[in-house]
Amino acid sequence: MENFIIILAYLLIGIAIRRIPQFPSETGNSLNLFVIYISLPAVILRTIPRLPVSTEILVPAVMPWVMLVFSCAGVLLLSKILKWDRHITGCLLLVVPLGNTSFLGIPMVRAFFGEEVTPYAVLYDQLGSFLALATYGSLVIAFYGTQDSKPTVTSVVQKIITFPPFIALLSAFILKPFEYPAVVSSLLEALGSTLVPVVMIAVGYQLTLRLSSETKAPLAIGLVFKLMIAPLTALILCRAIGLEGKVVDVSIFEAGMPPMVSAGALAILAGLSPALTAALVGLGIVLSFGTLPILYYLL
């Protein structure tokens, strides 16, 4: 509950400073740039080298990727049927498959399931959501964030390999056998701690409920898919193949988290329907107050 309150406080701060004339109109983009170039790479460099390797990580490691493929396929199908433009499609492809499985997910797992299963939530976030953000997220931004011309294989690859979080991901794997000096660890931890407050303030700054008629339907569909359809599909799939136990329940619970704030920052920075993105992230957090207890009851 405390993390919910903190997140809402960040959102309200963002909404408040938008009404202060001293803050320029580009404040939101500046905050997002700070996240992409500083905060997110710092978190990647700090957390990836710590990932454990064992058979116990299979369910929380595989589940988020299964959900990503399912959500991606669903968004692409709906985009074709409903004829969404590429910015709306790119926004939903980035925000719907990736959940807020760390800042919100880990405390919620601890609150509902207990402290002893928290490592499963960490694995789901680090081996699934976080890796997907740096890899799949880079691909979506490279393809759908192209503004001026139709993307080519060369332009997409160039955007991926020059994307700061992806560079940080490769660097983190290269540096995994080594231990950081204490001062470097402290620096990365300090910079990484800015991720959630800066992103949520940026989302609040750009949050508006005055959406165009063409974005209201994608907003409703995206939230229903992320908060209801995805976790229920995970639940049905796991039960159908006989998967049970705490690690499975935690993985299903994490699949029902609202959209990831970092994914929202990427989408806004790339110009992928910023108003729709901010609404998906902001309203998703609020609505998850109701959907997560229901999901836990179903488990």
Protein backbone atom coordinates (compact mmCIF):
# COMPACT_ATOMS: atom_id res chain seq x y z
CA MET A 1 0.00 0.00 0.00
CA GLU A 2 2.85 2.39 0.78
CA ASN A 3 4.23 2.03 -2.76
CA PHE A 4 0.81 2.81 -4.24
CA ILE A 5 0.72 6.02 -2.20
CA ILE A 6 4.25 6.96 -3.26
CA ILE A 7 3.47 6.37 -6.94
CA LEU A 8 0.29 8.44 -6.73
CA ALA A 9 2.25 11.20 -4.98
CA TYR A 10 4.75 11.27 -7.87
CA LEU A 11 1.87 11.46 -10.36
CA LEU A 12 0.29 14.35 -8.46
CA ILE A 13 3.62 16.19 -8.37
CA GLY A 14 3.87 15.85 -12.15
CA ILE A 15 0.31 17.10 -12.59
CA ALA A 16 1.00 20.03 -10.24
CA ILE A 17 4.22 21.27 -11.87
CA ARG A 18 2.49 21.32 -15.26
CA ARG A 19 0.45 24.21 -13.87
CA ILE A 20 3.54 26.15 -12.79
CA PRO A 21 4.54 28.51 -15.62
CA GLN A 22 8.25 28.36 -14.72
CA PHE A 23 8.37 24.78 -16.02
CA PRO A 24 8.80 24.85 -19.83
CA SER A 25 6.57 22.82 -22.13
CA GLU A 26 9.45 20.41 -22.87
CA THR A 27 9.78 19.40 -19.20
CA GLY A 28 8.20 16.00 -19.79
CA ASN A 29 10.55 15.14 -22.65
CA SER A 30 13.57 16.32 -20.67
CA LEU A 31 12.62 14.06 -17.75
CA ASN A 32 12.16 11.11 -20.11
CA LEU A 33 15.55 11.75 -21.71
CA PHE A 34 17.17 11.67 -18.27
CA VAL A 35 15.55 8.29 -17.63
CA ILE A 36 16.64 6.78 -20.94
CA TYR A 37 20.22 8.03 -20.84
CA ILE A 38 20.96 7.92 -17.10
CA SER A 39 18.46 6.21 -14.76
CA LEU A 40 17.55 3.11 -16.78
CA PRO A 41 21.12 2.24 -17.90
CA ALA A 42 22.25 2.60 -14.27
CA VAL A 43 19.58 0.16 -13.09
CA ILE A 44 20.51 -2.32 -15.83
CA LEU A 45 24.21 -2.15 -15.02
CA ARG A 46 23.47 -2.62 -11.32
CA THR A 47 20.97 -5.48 -11.47
CA ILE A 48 21.82 -7.70 -14.44
CA PRO A 49 25.19 -8.92 -13.07
CA ARG A 50 23.41 -10.12 -9.90
CA LEU A 51 21.00 -12.49 -11.67
CA PRO A 52 21.20 -16.06 -10.30
CA VAL A 53 21.28 -19.14 -12.53
CA SER A 54 19.31 -22.26 -11.42
CA THR A 55 16.37 -24.47 -12.49
CA GLU A 56 14.08 -22.70 -10.01
CA ILE A 57 14.05 -19.61 -12.19
CA LEU A 58 12.39 -21.32 -15.17
CA VAL A 59 8.73 -20.43 -14.47
CA PRO A 60 9.25 -16.75 -13.51
CA ALA A 61 11.82 -16.43 -16.30
CA VAL A 62 9.66 -17.94 -19.06
CA MET A 63 6.22 -16.63 -18.05
CA PRO A 64 6.84 -12.95 -18.93
CA TRP A 65 8.09 -13.91 -22.39
CA VAL A 66 5.02 -16.07 -23.01
CA MET A 67 2.85 -13.14 -21.95
CA LEU A 68 4.86 -10.81 -24.18
CA VAL A 69 4.28 -13.01 -27.25
CA PHE A 70 0.58 -13.38 -26.40
CA SER A 71 0.07 -9.64 -25.81
CA CYS A 72 2.06 -8.67 -28.88
CA ALA A 73 0.00 -10.98 -31.07
CA GLY A 74 -3.23 -9.65 -29.56
CA VAL A 75 -2.25 -6.01 -30.14
CA LEU A 76 -1.19 -6.64 -33.73
CA LEU A 77 -4.44 -8.50 -34.47
CA LEU A 78 -6.58 -5.76 -32.93
CA SER A 79 -4.55 -3.08 -34.72
CA LYS A 80 -5.28 -4.73 -38.05
CA ILE A 81 -8.99 -5.18 -37.30
CA LEU A 82 -9.53 -1.70 -35.85
CA LYS A 83 -7.09 0.02 -38.24
CA TRP A 84 -5.04 1.85 -35.60
CA ASP A 85 -2.27 4.11 -36.87
CA ARG A 86 1.37 3.11 -36.30
CA HIS A 87 1.83 5.43 -33.29
CA ILE A 88 -1.10 3.91 -31.40
CA THR A 89 0.01 0.41 -32.40
CA GLY A 90 3.59 1.10 -31.30
CA CYS A 91 2.39 2.55 -28.00
CA LEU A 92 0.28 -0.52 -27.18
CA LEU A 93 3.00 -2.93 -28.36
CA LEU A 94 5.39 -1.34 -25.90
CA VAL A 95 3.14 -0.60 -22.91
CA VAL A 96 0.69 -3.53 -22.85
CA PRO A 97 3.15 -6.49 -22.82
CA LEU A 98 5.45 -4.96 -20.18
CA GLY A 99 4.19 -4.71 -16.59
CA ASN A 100 5.23 -2.71 -13.55
CA THR A 101 6.68 -5.85 -12.01
CA SER A 102 9.38 -4.22 -9.90
CA PHE A 103 8.46 -1.06 -8.00
CA LEU A 104 4.81 -2.05 -7.77
CA GLY A 105 4.95 -5.79 -8.39
CA ILE A 106 7.52 -6.80 -5.78
CA PRO A 107 5.85 -4.97 -2.85
CA MET A 108 2.43 -6.28 -3.92
CA VAL A 109 3.74 -9.86 -4.05
CA ARG A 110 5.24 -9.37 -0.59
CA ALA A 111 1.94 -7.99 0.72
CA PHE A 112 -0.28 -10.74 -0.72
CA PHE A 113 1.99 -13.80 -0.62
CA GLY A 114 4.55 -13.06 2.09
CA GLU A 115 8.24 -12.23 2.28
CA GLU A 116 9.46 -15.76 1.53
CA VAL A 117 8.29 -15.73 -2.12
CA THR A 118 9.63 -12.26 -2.95
CA PRO A 119 12.67 -13.70 -4.83
CA TYR A 120 10.27 -15.20 -7.41
CA ALA A 121 8.93 -11.71 -8.13
CA VAL A 122 12.47 -10.37 -8.47
CA LEU A 123 13.30 -13.12 -10.98
CA TYR A 124 10.13 -12.44 -12.98
CA ASP A 125 11.07 -8.78 -13.17
CA GLN A 126 14.78 -9.13 -13.89
CA LEU A 127 14.80 -12.15 -16.24
CA GLY A 128 11.53 -11.22 -17.93
CA SER A 129 10.21 -7.68 -17.83
CA PHE A 130 13.54 -5.94 -17.53
CA LEU A 131 15.32 -7.93 -20.23
CA ALA A 132 12.29 -7.51 -22.49
CA LEU A 133 12.35 -3.74 -21.96
CA ALA A 134 15.97 -3.53 -23.08
CA THR A 135 15.62 -5.93 -26.04
CA TYR A 136 12.01 -6.07 -27.25
CA GLY A 137 11.52 -2.44 -26.19
CA SER A 138 14.50 -1.38 -28.28
CA LEU A 139 13.05 -3.19 -31.31
CA VAL A 140 9.61 -1.57 -30.96
CA ILE A 141 11.12 1.90 -30.57
CA ALA A 142 13.40 1.35 -33.54
CA PHE A 143 10.57 0.22 -35.79
CA TYR A 144 7.55 2.25 -34.69
CA GLY A 145 9.43 5.32 -33.48
CA THR A 146 10.69 6.07 -36.97
CA GLN A 147 9.05 9.32 -37.94
CA ASP A 148 10.16 10.40 -41.39
CA SER A 149 10.45 7.31 -43.54
CA LYS A 150 9.66 3.63 -43.66
CA PRO A 151 12.15 1.79 -41.46
CA THR A 152 14.73 -0.46 -43.08
CA VAL A 153 16.64 -3.36 -41.57
CA THR A 154 19.73 -1.17 -41.37
CA SER A 155 17.94 1.72 -39.66
CA VAL A 156 16.26 -0.60 -37.15
CA VAL A 157 19.53 -2.35 -36.27
CA GLN A 158 21.30 1.00 -35.97
CA LYS A 159 18.65 2.31 -33.58
CA ILE A 160 18.83 -0.82 -31.44
CA ILE A 161 22.61 -0.92 -31.09
CA THR A 162 22.76 2.81 -30.28
CA PHE A 163 19.89 2.70 -27.77
CA PRO A 164 21.36 3.49 -24.31
CA PRO A 165 19.49 0.76 -22.34
CA PHE A 166 20.54 -1.86 -24.91
CA ILE A 167 24.17 -0.73 -24.72
CA ALA A 168 23.91 -0.94 -20.93
CA LEU A 169 22.44 -4.47 -21.19
CA LEU A 170 25.32 -5.73 -23.34
CA SER A 171 27.83 -4.04 -21.05
CA ALA A 172 26.19 -5.61 -17.98
CA PHE A 173 26.51 -9.13 -19.40
CA ILE A 174 30.15 -8.50 -20.34
CA LEU A 175 30.85 -7.21 -16.83
CA LYS A 176 28.94 -10.02 -15.06
CA PRO A 177 32.09 -11.99 -14.05
CA PHE A 178 33.59 -8.90 -12.40
CA GLU A 179 32.72 -7.09 -9.20
CA TYR A 180 32.21 -3.33 -9.33
CA PRO A 181 34.33 -1.11 -7.09
CA ALA A 182 32.36 0.18 -4.11
CA VAL A 183 32.23 3.73 -5.46
CA VAL A 184 30.83 2.52 -8.82
CA SER A 185 28.16 0.43 -7.08
CA SER A 186 27.15 3.41 -4.96
CA LEU A 187 26.99 5.67 -8.01
CA LEU A 188 24.84 3.19 -9.98
CA GLU A 189 22.51 2.70 -7.01
CA ALA A 190 22.09 6.46 -6.56
CA LEU A 191 21.41 7.07 -10.24
CA GLY A 192 19.13 4.03 -10.51
CA SER A 193 17.04 5.22 -7.58
CA THR A 194 15.93 8.19 -9.68
CA LEU A 195 14.14 5.93 -12.17
CA VAL A 196 10.66 5.62 -10.65
CA PRO A 197 10.25 9.17 -9.27
CA VAL A 198 11.46 10.84 -12.47
CA VAL A 199 9.38 8.60 -14.74
CA MET A 200 6.20 8.95 -12.69
CA ILE A 201 6.57 12.73 -12.41
CA ALA A 202 7.05 12.83 -16.19
CA VAL A 203 3.93 10.68 -16.66
CA GLY A 204 1.95 12.94 -14.34
CA TYR A 205 3.21 16.00 -16.22
CA GLN A 206 1.92 14.56 -19.49
CA LEU A 207 -1.19 12.83 -18.12
CA THR A 208 -4.47 14.05 -19.55
CA LEU A 209 -7.92 12.52 -19.70
CA ARG A 210 -8.89 14.77 -22.60
CA LEU A 211 -8.11 12.15 -25.19
CA SER A 212 -9.10 12.27 -28.83
CA SER A 213 -11.92 10.00 -29.92
CA GLU A 214 -9.48 7.73 -31.77
CA THR A 215 -7.45 7.02 -28.62
CA LYS A 216 -10.29 6.30 -26.17
CA ALA A 217 -10.93 2.82 -27.56
CA PRO A 218 -7.21 1.84 -27.53
CA LEU A 219 -7.00 3.07 -23.92
CA ALA A 220 -9.91 0.90 -22.79
CA ILE A 221 -8.76 -2.11 -24.81
CA GLY A 222 -5.16 -1.78 -23.63
CA LEU A 223 -6.11 -1.63 -19.95
CA VAL A 224 -8.57 -4.53 -20.19
CA PHE A 225 -5.96 -6.62 -21.99
CA LYS A 226 -3.18 -5.79 -19.54
CA LEU A 227 -5.10 -5.99 -16.26
CA MET A 228 -7.57 -8.77 -17.04
CA ILE A 229 -7.08 -10.79 -20.22
CA ALA A 230 -3.31 -11.35 -19.87
CA PRO A 231 -3.32 -12.63 -16.26
CA LEU A 232 -6.44 -14.75 -16.79
CA THR A 233 -4.80 -16.31 -19.85
CA ALA A 234 -1.68 -17.03 -17.77
CA LEU A 235 -3.86 -18.61 -15.06
CA ILE A 236 -5.79 -20.81 -17.50
CA LEU A 237 -2.61 -21.84 -19.33
CA CYS A 238 -0.77 -22.82 -16.15
CA ARG A 239 -3.67 -24.79 -14.75
CA ALA A 240 -4.25 -26.52 -18.10
CA ILE A 241 -0.69 -27.89 -18.18
CA GLY A 242 -0.70 -28.76 -14.50
CA LEU A 243 1.58 -26.03 -13.15
CA GLU A 244 0.87 -25.16 -9.51
CA GLY A 245 2.61 -23.85 -6.43
CA LYS A 246 3.74 -20.53 -5.03
CA VAL A 247 6.25 -19.79 -7.78
CA VAL A 248 3.53 -20.28 -10.42
CA ASP A 249 0.97 -18.18 -8.52
CA VAL A 250 3.47 -15.36 -8.08
CA SER A 251 4.28 -15.44 -11.80
CA ILE A 252 0.58 -15.26 -12.71
CA PHE A 253 0.10 -12.42 -10.22
CA GLU A 254 3.00 -10.49 -11.75
CA ALA A 255 1.43 -10.95 -15.20
CA GLY A 256 -1.50 -8.83 -13.97
CA MET A 257 0.57 -5.77 -13.03
CA PRO A 258 -0.33 -2.45 -14.72
CA PRO A 259 1.83 -1.04 -17.54
CA MET A 260 5.52 -0.49 -16.78
CA VAL A 261 6.43 3.16 -16.15
CA SER A 262 9.80 2.78 -17.91
CA ALA A 263 8.08 1.40 -21.02
CA GLY A 264 5.78 4.40 -20.89
CA ALA A 265 8.78 6.72 -20.76
CA LEU A 266 10.24 5.06 -23.86
CA ALA A 267 6.95 5.33 -25.73
CA ILE A 268 6.52 9.01 -24.86
CA LEU A 269 10.10 9.82 -25.80
CA ALA A 270 9.63 8.10 -29.17
CA GLY A 271 6.44 10.08 -29.83
CA LEU A 272 4.21 7.01 -29.70
CA SER A 273 0.93 8.69 -28.81
CA PRO A 274 2.18 10.41 -25.60
CA ALA A 275 -1.30 11.25 -24.27
CA LEU A 276 -2.47 7.64 -24.69
CA THR A 277 0.75 6.33 -23.11
CA ALA A 278 0.47 8.58 -20.05
CA ALA A 279 -3.18 7.60 -19.60
CA LEU A 280 -2.39 3.88 -19.87
CA VAL A 281 0.34 4.13 -17.24
CA GLY A 282 -1.47 6.47 -14.85
CA LEU A 283 -4.95 4.92 -15.00
CA GLY A 284 -3.47 1.42 -15.04
CA ILE A 285 -1.88 2.00 -11.64
CA VAL A 286 -5.13 3.33 -10.17
CA LEU A 287 -7.28 0.50 -11.59
CA SER A 288 -4.86 -2.15 -10.37
CA PHE A 289 -6.02 -1.33 -6.83
CA GLY A 290 -9.15 -3.29 -7.74
CA THR A 291 -7.91 -5.87 -10.23
CA LEU A 292 -4.98 -7.29 -8.24
CA PRO A 293 -7.05 -8.38 -5.19
CA ILE A 294 -9.51 -10.09 -7.56
CA LEU A 295 -6.66 -11.89 -9.32
CA TYR A 296 -5.23 -13.02 -5.99
CA TYR A 297 -8.66 -14.40 -4.98
CA LEU A 298 -8.81 -16.41 -8.24
CA LEU A 299 -5.43 -17.96 -7.50
